[in-house]
Amino acid sequence: MKTTTALIQSGMVRLRPILMTDLALVVGMVPLALAKGAGAEWKNGLAQGVIGACSVL
C-alpha cells in the first residue's frame, strides 16, 4: 500500500473522532475562560491556553 493511500484511509477513519474530542474540549473550556468569580484570573488564562492549543489542530 502506498503511503498516500494509507494516509487518506486513516484520515477518513480517525478524523471524525479526533475533531469530536477537540470540539468537546473547547466547548467545555469556554465557561471556564469566561468566568468572572474569585480566583478566576488564573483559570481564565489556563482555559484560554488550552483552547488556543486545541485550535491549532
C-alpha atoms as a PDB file:
ATOM      1  CA  MET A   1       0.000   0.000   0.000  1.00  0.00           C
ATOM      2  CA  LYS A   2       1.332   3.398  -0.923  1.00  0.00           C
ATOM      3  CA  THR A   3       1.904   5.983   1.768  1.00  0.00           C
ATOM      4  CA  THR A   4      -0.542   8.456   0.250  1.00  0.00           C
ATOM      5  CA  THR A   5      -3.315   5.877   0.105  1.00  0.00           C
ATOM      6  CA  ALA A   6      -2.667   4.811   3.696  1.00  0.00           C
ATOM      7  CA  LEU A   7      -2.801   8.432   4.904  1.00  0.00           C
ATOM      8  CA  ILE A   8      -6.070   9.092   3.116  1.00  0.00           C
ATOM      9  CA  GLN A   9      -7.656   5.931   4.505  1.00  0.00           C
ATOM     10  CA  SER A  10      -6.527   6.610   8.053  1.00  0.00           C
ATOM     11  CA  GLY A  11      -7.708  10.206   7.782  1.00  0.00           C
ATOM     12  CA  MET A  12     -11.192   9.112   6.800  1.00  0.00           C
ATOM     13  CA  VAL A  13     -11.358   6.684   9.725  1.00  0.00           C
ATOM     14  CA  ARG A  14      -9.765   8.760  12.501  1.00  0.00           C
ATOM     15  CA  LEU A  15     -10.542  12.384  11.638  1.00  0.00           C
ATOM     16  CA  ARG A  16     -14.125  12.466  12.946  1.00  0.00           C
ATOM     17  CA  PRO A  17     -13.331  11.136  16.470  1.00  0.00           C
ATOM     18  CA  ILE A  18     -10.369  13.480  16.773  1.00  0.00           C
ATOM     19  CA  LEU A  19     -12.446  16.500  15.779  1.00  0.00           C
ATOM     20  CA  MET A  20     -15.287  15.495  18.101  1.00  0.00           C
ATOM     21  CA  THR A  21     -12.901  15.204  21.054  1.00  0.00           C
ATOM     22  CA  ASP A  22     -11.297  18.535  20.231  1.00  0.00           C
ATOM     23  CA  LEU A  23     -14.662  20.276  19.921  1.00  0.00           C
ATOM     24  CA  ALA A  24     -15.890  18.813  23.238  1.00  0.00           C
ATOM     25  CA  LEU A  25     -12.749  20.067  24.970  1.00  0.00           C
ATOM     26  CA  VAL A  26     -13.105  23.575  23.553  1.00  0.00           C
ATOM     27  CA  VAL A  27     -16.825  23.783  24.395  1.00  0.00           C
ATOM     28  CA  GLY A  28     -16.091  22.541  27.918  1.00  0.00           C
ATOM     29  CA  MET A  29     -13.426  25.187  28.447  1.00  0.00           C
ATOM     30  CA  VAL A  30     -15.494  28.164  27.243  1.00  0.00           C
ATOM     31  CA  PRO A  31     -17.332  28.690  30.574  1.00  0.00           C
ATOM     32  CA  LEU A  32     -14.035  28.489  32.417  1.00  0.00           C
ATOM     33  CA  ALA A  33     -12.460  31.012  30.063  1.00  0.00           C
ATOM     34  CA  LEU A  34     -15.348  33.448  30.576  1.00  0.00           C
ATOM     35  CA  ALA A  35     -15.653  33.048  34.371  1.00  0.00           C
ATOM     36  CA  LYS A  36     -15.546  36.182  36.492  1.00  0.00           C
ATOM     37  CA  GLY A  37     -15.596  34.789  40.054  1.00  0.00           C
ATOM     38  CA  ALA A  38     -12.967  34.884  42.777  1.00  0.00           C
ATOM     39  CA  GLY A  39      -9.708  33.322  41.651  1.00  0.00           C
ATOM     40  CA  ALA A  40     -10.813  33.246  38.037  1.00  0.00           C
ATOM     41  CA  GLU A  41      -7.730  35.104  36.780  1.00  0.00           C
ATOM     42  CA  TRP A  42      -5.501  32.044  36.594  1.00  0.00           C
ATOM     43  CA  LYS A  43      -8.335  29.767  35.470  1.00  0.00           C
ATOM     44  CA  ASN A  44      -9.163  32.120  32.591  1.00  0.00           C
ATOM     45  CA  GLY A  45      -5.588  32.051  31.370  1.00  0.00           C
ATOM     46  CA  LEU A  46      -5.384  28.278  31.667  1.00  0.00           C
ATOM     47  CA  ALA A  47      -8.621  27.759  29.739  1.00  0.00           C
ATOM     48  CA  GLN A  48      -7.616  30.243  27.051  1.00  0.00           C
ATOM     49  CA  GLY A  49      -4.297  28.478  26.630  1.00  0.00           C
ATOM     50  CA  VAL A  50      -6.000  25.087  26.265  1.00  0.00           C
ATOM     51  CA  ILE A  51      -8.494  26.482  23.769  1.00  0.00           C
ATOM     52  CA  GLY A  52      -5.685  28.103  21.784  1.00  0.00           C
ATOM     53  CA  ALA A  53      -3.666  24.912  21.728  1.00  0.00           C
ATOM     54  CA  CYS A  54      -6.655  22.892  20.515  1.00  0.00           C
ATOM     55  CA  SER A  55      -7.428  25.437  17.831  1.00  0.00           C
ATOM     56  CA  VAL A  56      -4.000  24.907  16.308  1.00  0.00           C
ATOM     57  CA  LEU A  57      -5.050  21.407  15.265  1.00  0.00           C
END
